[in-house]
Amino acid sequence: MNIRLLHESDSLAYQAVRLLALKTDPDSFGSTYEQEAVRPLEKFAERIQHTENQFTV
């Protein structure tokens, strides 16, 4: 297993994993598959950008 910070180049994979999770476990999220499926890839890239207080692995 390789644990690392996600980068913009991981956006497509992150989007795929998130959408699958929203389909299979919708009660675990505050959003829905239908809401997220229409979001452009750029929004997923923004979501995984690092900040001083936030990061995604």
N, C-alpha and C. Protein backbone atom coordinates (compact mmCIF):
# COMPACT_ATOMS: atom_id res chain seq x y z
N MET A 1 0.85 -1.16 0.00
CA MET A 1 0.00 0.00 0.00
C MET A 1 0.90 1.23 0.00
N ASN A 2 0.54 2.19 -0.82
CA ASN A 2 1.28 3.44 -0.92
C ASN A 2 0.36 4.57 -0.48
N ILE A 3 0.65 5.19 0.65
CA ILE A 3 -0.15 6.31 1.14
C ILE A 3 0.62 7.58 0.82
N ARG A 4 -0.06 8.50 0.12
CA ARG A 4 0.59 9.75 -0.26
C ARG A 4 -0.46 10.83 -0.44
N LEU A 5 0.00 12.07 -0.47
CA LEU A 5 -0.89 13.19 -0.73
C LEU A 5 -1.36 13.12 -2.18
N LEU A 6 -2.62 13.47 -2.40
CA LEU A 6 -3.13 13.54 -3.76
C LEU A 6 -2.73 14.87 -4.39
N HIS A 7 -2.55 14.84 -5.70
CA HIS A 7 -2.20 16.03 -6.46
C HIS A 7 -3.21 16.21 -7.58
N GLU A 8 -3.14 17.34 -8.25
CA GLU A 8 -4.08 17.63 -9.33
C GLU A 8 -4.12 16.52 -10.37
N SER A 9 -3.00 15.90 -10.62
CA SER A 9 -2.95 14.81 -11.61
C SER A 9 -3.75 13.58 -11.16
N ASP A 10 -4.16 13.53 -9.90
CA ASP A 10 -4.98 12.44 -9.37
C ASP A 10 -6.48 12.73 -9.44
N SER A 11 -6.85 13.84 -10.01
CA SER A 11 -8.25 14.28 -10.01
C SER A 11 -9.20 13.28 -10.62
N LEU A 12 -8.84 12.71 -11.75
CA LEU A 12 -9.73 11.76 -12.43
C LEU A 12 -9.94 10.51 -11.58
N ALA A 13 -8.89 9.99 -10.99
CA ALA A 13 -9.00 8.82 -10.13
C ALA A 13 -9.81 9.15 -8.88
N TYR A 14 -9.58 10.31 -8.30
CA TYR A 14 -10.33 10.74 -7.12
C TYR A 14 -11.82 10.85 -7.45
N GLN A 15 -12.13 11.43 -8.59
CA GLN A 15 -13.51 11.56 -9.02
C GLN A 15 -14.17 10.19 -9.14
N ALA A 16 -13.49 9.25 -9.76
CA ALA A 16 -14.03 7.90 -9.96
C ALA A 16 -14.30 7.21 -8.62
N VAL A 17 -13.35 7.31 -7.70
CA VAL A 17 -13.51 6.67 -6.39
C VAL A 17 -14.65 7.32 -5.62
N ARG A 18 -14.73 8.63 -5.65
CA ARG A 18 -15.80 9.33 -4.93
C ARG A 18 -17.17 8.98 -5.50
N LEU A 19 -17.29 8.97 -6.81
CA LEU A 19 -18.59 8.65 -7.41
C LEU A 19 -19.01 7.22 -7.09
N LEU A 20 -18.06 6.30 -7.12
CA LEU A 20 -18.36 4.92 -6.76
C LEU A 20 -18.83 4.83 -5.31
N ALA A 21 -18.13 5.53 -4.43
CA ALA A 21 -18.51 5.52 -3.01
C ALA A 21 -19.89 6.14 -2.80
N LEU A 22 -20.21 7.18 -3.53
CA LEU A 22 -21.53 7.79 -3.41
C LEU A 22 -22.62 6.84 -3.89
N LYS A 23 -22.33 6.03 -4.88
CA LYS A 23 -23.31 5.05 -5.35
C LYS A 23 -23.48 3.90 -4.37
N THR A 24 -22.39 3.41 -3.82
CA THR A 24 -22.45 2.22 -2.97
C THR A 24 -22.78 2.51 -1.51
N ASP A 25 -22.40 3.68 -1.01
CA ASP A 25 -22.65 4.05 0.39
C ASP A 25 -23.17 5.47 0.50
N PRO A 26 -24.31 5.77 -0.07
CA PRO A 26 -24.79 7.16 -0.10
C PRO A 26 -25.02 7.79 1.26
N ASP A 27 -25.32 6.98 2.27
CA ASP A 27 -25.58 7.54 3.60
C ASP A 27 -24.32 8.04 4.30
N SER A 28 -23.16 7.76 3.74
CA SER A 28 -21.89 8.18 4.35
C SER A 28 -21.46 9.57 3.92
N PHE A 29 -22.27 10.23 3.08
CA PHE A 29 -21.87 11.51 2.51
C PHE A 29 -22.96 12.56 2.69
N GLY A 30 -22.55 13.80 2.65
CA GLY A 30 -23.49 14.91 2.72
C GLY A 30 -23.94 15.34 1.34
N SER A 31 -23.42 14.71 0.32
CA SER A 31 -23.77 15.01 -1.06
C SER A 31 -24.39 13.76 -1.68
N THR A 32 -24.86 13.87 -2.91
CA THR A 32 -25.43 12.72 -3.59
C THR A 32 -24.66 12.43 -4.88
N TYR A 33 -24.82 11.22 -5.38
CA TYR A 33 -24.19 10.86 -6.64
C TYR A 33 -24.65 11.81 -7.74
N GLU A 34 -25.93 12.10 -7.79
CA GLU A 34 -26.48 12.96 -8.83
C GLU A 34 -25.88 14.37 -8.80
N GLN A 35 -25.64 14.90 -7.61
CA GLN A 35 -25.01 16.22 -7.50
C GLN A 35 -23.56 16.19 -7.95
N GLU A 36 -22.84 15.17 -7.54
CA GLU A 36 -21.41 15.09 -7.83
C GLU A 36 -21.12 14.67 -9.27
N ALA A 37 -21.98 13.85 -9.86
CA ALA A 37 -21.74 13.32 -11.20
C ALA A 37 -21.73 14.42 -12.26
N VAL A 38 -22.39 15.53 -12.00
CA VAL A 38 -22.43 16.62 -12.99
C VAL A 38 -21.36 17.68 -12.72
N ARG A 39 -20.61 17.54 -11.66
CA ARG A 39 -19.54 18.50 -11.36
C ARG A 39 -18.40 18.31 -12.36
N PRO A 40 -17.84 19.40 -12.85
CA PRO A 40 -16.69 19.27 -13.75
C PRO A 40 -15.46 18.76 -13.00
N LEU A 41 -14.56 18.14 -13.73
CA LEU A 41 -13.35 17.58 -13.15
C LEU A 41 -12.56 18.65 -12.38
N GLU A 42 -12.62 19.88 -12.82
CA GLU A 42 -11.90 20.96 -12.15
C GLU A 42 -12.32 21.12 -10.70
N LYS A 43 -13.59 20.85 -10.40
CA LYS A 43 -14.06 20.96 -9.01
C LYS A 43 -13.44 19.88 -8.13
N PHE A 44 -13.23 18.69 -8.71
CA PHE A 44 -12.57 17.63 -7.95
C PHE A 44 -11.10 17.99 -7.73
N ALA A 45 -10.48 18.60 -8.72
CA ALA A 45 -9.09 19.04 -8.58
C ALA A 45 -8.98 20.09 -7.48
N GLU A 46 -9.94 21.01 -7.42
CA GLU A 46 -9.93 22.04 -6.37
C GLU A 46 -10.08 21.40 -4.99
N ARG A 47 -10.90 20.38 -4.91
CA ARG A 47 -11.19 19.73 -3.63
C ARG A 47 -9.95 19.07 -3.02
N ILE A 48 -9.03 18.60 -3.86
CA ILE A 48 -7.86 17.89 -3.33
C ILE A 48 -6.62 18.78 -3.25
N GLN A 49 -6.77 20.07 -3.51
CA GLN A 49 -5.62 20.97 -3.37
C GLN A 49 -5.24 21.09 -1.90
N HIS A 50 -3.95 21.13 -1.66
CA HIS A 50 -3.44 21.25 -0.29
C HIS A 50 -3.57 22.70 0.18
N THR A 51 -3.90 22.85 1.43
CA THR A 51 -3.86 24.15 2.09
C THR A 51 -3.12 23.97 3.41
N GLU A 52 -2.99 25.02 4.15
CA GLU A 52 -2.32 24.95 5.44
C GLU A 52 -3.07 24.01 6.41
N ASN A 53 -4.40 23.94 6.26
CA ASN A 53 -5.22 23.17 7.19
C ASN A 53 -5.90 21.96 6.58
N GLN A 54 -5.63 21.66 5.32
CA GLN A 54 -6.36 20.58 4.65
C GLN A 54 -5.49 19.86 3.65
N PHE A 55 -5.64 18.55 3.58
CA PHE A 55 -4.98 17.75 2.57
C PHE A 55 -5.77 16.47 2.36
N THR A 56 -5.55 15.81 1.25
CA THR A 56 -6.25 14.57 0.92
C THR A 56 -5.22 13.50 0.61
N VAL A 57 -5.40 12.33 1.22
CA VAL A 57 -4.49 11.20 0.96
C VAL A 57 -5.25 10.08 0.27
